Protein backbone atom coordinates (compact mmCIF):
# COMPACT_ATOMS: atom_id res chain seq x y z
CA MET A 1 213.57 39.35 94.06
CA GLY A 2 212.53 42.71 92.70
CA ASP A 3 208.89 41.94 93.41
CA GLY A 4 209.73 41.10 97.00
CA LEU A 5 211.47 44.40 97.50
CA GLY A 6 208.57 46.29 96.02
CA TYR A 7 206.10 44.50 98.27
CA ALA A 8 208.16 45.28 101.36
CA SER A 9 208.39 48.91 100.38
CA ALA A 10 204.69 49.14 99.84
CA LEU A 11 204.05 47.47 103.18
CA ARG A 12 206.32 49.94 104.96
CA GLU A 13 204.50 52.77 103.27
CA VAL A 14 201.16 51.39 104.33
CA ARG A 15 202.38 50.95 107.90
CA GLY A 16 203.70 54.49 107.91
CA MET A 17 200.37 55.81 106.71
CA ALA A 18 198.61 53.76 109.37
CA THR A 19 200.93 55.12 111.99
CA ASP A 20 200.29 58.69 110.79
CA ASN A 21 196.57 58.05 110.79
CA ALA A 22 196.79 56.59 114.28
CA ARG A 23 198.66 59.67 115.46
CA LYS A 24 196.10 61.92 113.78
CA LEU A 25 193.32 59.94 115.45
CA GLU A 26 195.07 60.31 118.80
CA ARG A 27 195.38 64.05 118.24
CA LEU A 28 191.73 64.16 117.16
CA ASP A 29 190.68 62.19 120.23
CA SER A 30 192.70 64.58 122.34
CA THR A 31 191.02 67.53 120.63
CA LEU A 32 187.59 65.99 121.12
CA GLU A 33 188.32 65.44 124.79
CA ASP A 34 189.40 69.06 125.06
CA VAL A 35 186.20 70.14 123.35
CA LYS A 36 184.14 67.93 125.65
CA ARG A 37 185.96 69.29 128.68
CA ILE A 38 185.41 72.85 127.51
CA LEU A 39 181.75 72.12 126.88
CA ARG A 40 181.41 70.51 130.31
CA ASP A 41 183.13 73.48 131.93
CA GLN A 42 180.90 75.89 130.05
CA ALA A 43 177.79 73.89 130.95
CA LEU A 44 178.88 73.82 134.59
CA GLN A 45 179.56 77.54 134.54
CA MET A 46 176.23 78.20 132.85
CA GLY A 47 174.51 76.12 135.50
CA LYS A 48 176.27 78.09 138.22
CA ASN A 49 175.38 81.37 136.52
CA GLU A 50 171.77 80.26 136.11
CA ALA A 51 171.57 79.27 139.74
CA ARG A 52 173.09 82.60 140.77
CA HIS A 53 170.68 84.47 138.50
CA GLU A 54 167.77 82.48 139.93
CA ARG A 55 168.85 83.38 143.46
CA GLU A 56 169.19 87.00 142.43
CA ARG A 57 165.73 86.95 140.83
CA GLU A 58 164.24 85.40 143.97
CA ALA A 59 166.00 88.02 146.09
CA ASP A 60 164.71 90.80 143.81
CA LEU A 61 161.18 89.37 143.93
CA ALA A 62 161.35 89.09 147.72
CA ALA A 63 162.57 92.69 147.98
CA PHE A 64 159.81 93.83 145.59
CA ARG A 65 157.13 91.97 147.56
CA LYS A 66 158.45 93.52 150.77
CA MET A 67 158.38 96.97 149.19
CA LEU A 68 154.78 96.42 148.03
CA ALA A 69 153.76 95.24 151.50
CA GLU A 70 155.44 98.23 153.15
CA ASP A 71 153.84 100.57 150.62
CA ALA A 72 150.40 99.04 151.23
CA ALA A 73 150.90 99.34 154.99
CA ALA A 74 152.03 102.94 154.62
CA ARG A 75 149.04 103.75 152.40
CA LYS A 76 146.66 102.12 154.88
CA LYS A 77 148.17 104.05 157.77
CA ALA A 78 148.06 107.31 155.80
CA ARG A 79 144.41 106.65 154.84
CA GLU A 80 143.47 105.91 158.44
CA GLU A 81 145.27 109.03 159.63
CA ALA A 82 143.60 111.11 156.90
CA GLU A 83 140.18 109.74 157.88
CA ALA A 84 140.87 110.49 161.53
CA ASP A 85 142.02 114.02 160.61
CA TYR A 86 138.91 114.48 158.45
CA LYS A 87 136.66 113.43 161.32
CA ASN A 88 138.47 115.77 163.70
CA ILE A 89 138.24 118.61 161.19
CA ARG A 90 134.50 118.00 160.70
CA LYS A 91 134.05 117.89 164.45
CA GLU A 92 136.01 121.10 164.90
CA LEU A 93 134.17 122.78 162.03
CA GLY A 94 130.89 121.73 163.59
CA ARG A 95 131.97 123.21 166.90
CA LEU A 96 133.16 126.41 165.24
CA THR A 97 129.96 126.62 163.20
CA ASN A 98 127.87 126.22 166.33
CA ASN A 99 129.96 128.83 168.11
CA PHE A 100 129.70 131.13 165.11
CA GLY A 101 125.94 130.65 165.08
CA GLU A 102 125.82 131.42 168.78
CA VAL A 103 127.77 134.64 168.24
CA ILE A 104 125.58 135.71 165.32
CA GLU A 105 122.38 135.03 167.22
CA CYS A 106 123.63 136.99 170.23
CA GLU A 107 124.97 139.88 168.13
CA LEU A 108 121.86 140.26 165.97
CA GLY A 109 119.50 139.69 168.88
CA ALA A 110 121.02 142.29 171.13
CA GLY A 111 118.78 145.29 171.79
CA LEU A 112 115.89 144.11 169.61
CA VAL A 113 113.27 145.07 172.20
CA ASP A 114 114.45 148.69 172.19
CA LYS A 115 114.83 148.86 168.41
CA PHE A 116 111.33 147.55 167.73
CA ARG A 117 109.86 150.36 169.88
CA ARG A 118 110.41 152.80 167.02
CA PHE A 119 107.92 150.73 165.01
CA GLY A 120 105.30 150.92 167.76
CA PHE A 121 105.96 147.53 169.39
CA ARG A 122 106.20 147.41 173.16
CA PHE A 123 107.64 143.99 173.84
CA TRP A 124 108.58 142.79 177.28
CA ASP A 125 112.21 143.22 178.27
CA ASN A 126 112.92 139.50 178.50
CA PRO A 127 113.11 138.12 174.94
CA VAL A 128 113.55 134.36 174.74
CA ARG A 129 116.41 132.82 172.74
CA ARG A 130 116.09 129.40 171.08
CA TYR A 131 112.52 128.90 172.13
CA ALA A 132 111.37 125.32 171.47
CA ILE A 133 107.72 124.92 170.48
CA MET A 134 106.14 121.57 171.35
CA ASP A 135 102.65 120.30 170.63
CA LYS A 136 100.33 118.88 173.27
CA ASN A 137 102.02 115.49 172.88
CA ASP A 138 105.48 117.04 173.45
CA ARG A 139 106.44 116.61 169.81
CA PRO A 140 108.64 119.39 168.39
CA ILE A 141 106.87 121.91 166.18
CA ALA A 142 109.60 124.48 165.66
CA GLU A 143 112.59 126.17 167.26
CA ILE A 144 112.63 129.96 167.34
CA ASP A 145 115.96 131.77 167.45
CA TRP A 146 114.48 134.84 169.16
CA LEU A 147 110.94 135.33 170.47
CA LEU A 148 109.76 138.79 171.53
CA ARG A 149 106.46 138.91 173.45
CA ASN A 150 103.82 141.08 175.03
CA LYS A 151 100.23 140.47 175.96
CA ASP A 152 98.94 141.12 172.43
CA SER A 153 101.73 140.25 169.98
CA LEU A 154 104.59 137.88 169.26
CA MET A 155 107.62 138.59 167.03
CA VAL A 156 109.29 135.41 165.72
CA VAL A 157 112.86 136.05 164.58
CA GLU A 158 114.92 133.64 162.45
CA VAL A 159 118.71 134.21 162.38
CA LYS A 160 121.10 133.03 159.64
CA ALA A 161 124.77 133.61 158.96
CA ARG A 162 123.95 134.36 155.31
CA LEU A 163 120.28 134.94 154.65
CA SER A 164 118.81 133.45 151.47
CA THR A 165 115.43 133.54 149.78
CA ASP A 166 114.99 129.87 150.75
CA ASP A 167 115.47 130.87 154.38
CA VAL A 168 112.77 133.50 153.95
CA ASP A 169 110.35 130.97 152.44
CA THR A 170 111.10 128.48 155.22
CA HIS A 171 110.41 131.11 157.86
CA ILE A 172 107.09 132.01 156.24
CA GLU A 173 106.11 128.32 156.32
CA ARG A 174 107.14 128.26 159.99
CA MET A 175 104.92 131.28 160.71
CA GLU A 176 101.95 129.65 158.98
CA LYS A 177 102.51 126.46 160.94
CA LEU A 178 102.72 128.34 164.23
CA ARG A 179 99.47 130.18 163.39
CA ARG A 180 97.69 126.88 162.73
CA TYR A 181 98.90 125.42 166.02
CA ALA A 182 98.01 128.60 167.91
CA ASP A 183 94.46 128.34 166.59
CA THR A 184 94.15 124.66 167.55
CA PRO A 185 92.59 124.11 170.99
CA GLY A 186 94.94 122.36 173.39
CA SER A 187 98.05 123.48 171.50
CA LEU A 188 99.93 126.74 172.17
CA ASP A 189 97.01 127.98 174.20
CA ASN A 190 99.01 130.98 175.46
CA TRP A 191 99.44 132.10 171.83
CA ARG A 192 95.75 131.99 170.90
CA GLY A 193 94.34 135.34 169.90
CA LYS A 194 97.74 137.03 169.69
CA ARG A 195 99.07 138.69 166.54
CA LEU A 196 102.09 136.94 165.05
CA TYR A 197 104.77 138.90 163.21
CA GLY A 198 107.91 137.62 161.55
CA ALA A 199 111.46 138.90 161.14
CA VAL A 200 114.57 137.47 159.49
CA ALA A 201 118.14 138.36 160.44
CA GLY A 202 121.48 137.67 158.81
CA ALA A 203 125.11 138.55 159.30
CA VAL A 204 125.12 138.86 155.51
CA VAL A 205 121.96 140.04 153.73
CA GLU A 206 122.20 140.72 150.01
CA LYS A 207 120.02 143.44 148.51
CA GLU A 208 117.83 141.10 146.49
CA VAL A 209 117.23 138.85 149.49
CA LYS A 210 116.38 141.84 151.65
CA LYS A 211 113.95 143.13 149.03
CA TYR A 212 112.37 139.68 148.77
CA ALA A 213 111.88 139.37 152.54
CA LEU A 214 110.44 142.87 152.86
CA GLY A 215 108.06 142.10 150.01
CA LYS A 216 106.78 139.13 152.00
CA GLY A 217 105.90 141.41 154.91
CA LEU A 218 108.85 140.46 157.13
CA PHE A 219 111.12 142.75 159.11
CA VAL A 220 114.79 142.47 158.14
CA ILE A 221 117.54 142.69 160.75
CA GLU A 222 121.17 143.17 159.66
CA PRO A 223 124.46 144.49 161.05
CA SER A 224 125.06 148.23 160.98
CA GLY A 225 128.42 149.31 162.35
CA GLU A 226 128.68 148.07 165.92
CA SER A 227 124.91 147.66 166.20
CA VAL A 228 122.04 146.26 164.13
CA ARG A 229 119.50 147.89 161.87
CA ILE A 230 115.86 146.86 161.50
CA THR A 231 114.09 147.60 158.25
CA LYS A 232 110.29 147.66 158.19
CA PRO A 233 108.37 146.30 155.19
CA PRO A 234 107.20 149.07 152.80
CA SER A 235 103.59 147.94 153.27
CA PRO A 236 102.14 147.04 156.66
CA PRO A 237 103.97 144.04 158.20
CA HIS A 238 102.30 140.74 157.49
CA GLU A 239 100.24 139.51 160.39
CA TRP A 240 99.76 135.79 160.83
């Protein structure tokens, strides 16, 4: 009898423990479901966030590409405008330079016939400006800024904005070339037998350049107040 009661008690205890364990398992299952739900919600939210971030990145990249394209277009336009401005400036500078050269030639060439009289030259009153010399085949030999003439002599004048020693040397070579052509039958026949003299002129003539030109037997023409001054070489002018 006592054993039967003890068995029943033990059985009830076991059943109670089983019930408690079942309840604990239910609570655990419930907790696991909650965890799973939370994880699913977090995963879903992460997916939404990732998708939003991806869209934002794509939008940022698109905006960046657009900015680069606009910048490239703006740079291209600015470069084209700068090139066009540069060409216009060069064209305008060329025009101004030509005009400046014209003014210098006219200013320094004015009154040369009268001024050379004090050195014993009696040139005709119609000096020629920008006289083009051609050979017998109409090929250019030289261009003379100012040419003063009479029946015996020719004065070949080269004009520069700023005279240099290189300009002096170039003019001497020009004089030698003209002499050779004048002595060649069939070329510059109206120059044959005439004395050739040379002069260089400049709106700016530095002392050393002036001394160099005079030492080569050339006359030097330079501004002097509102007129021009001609300086004769210290030794007799070189005759070509």
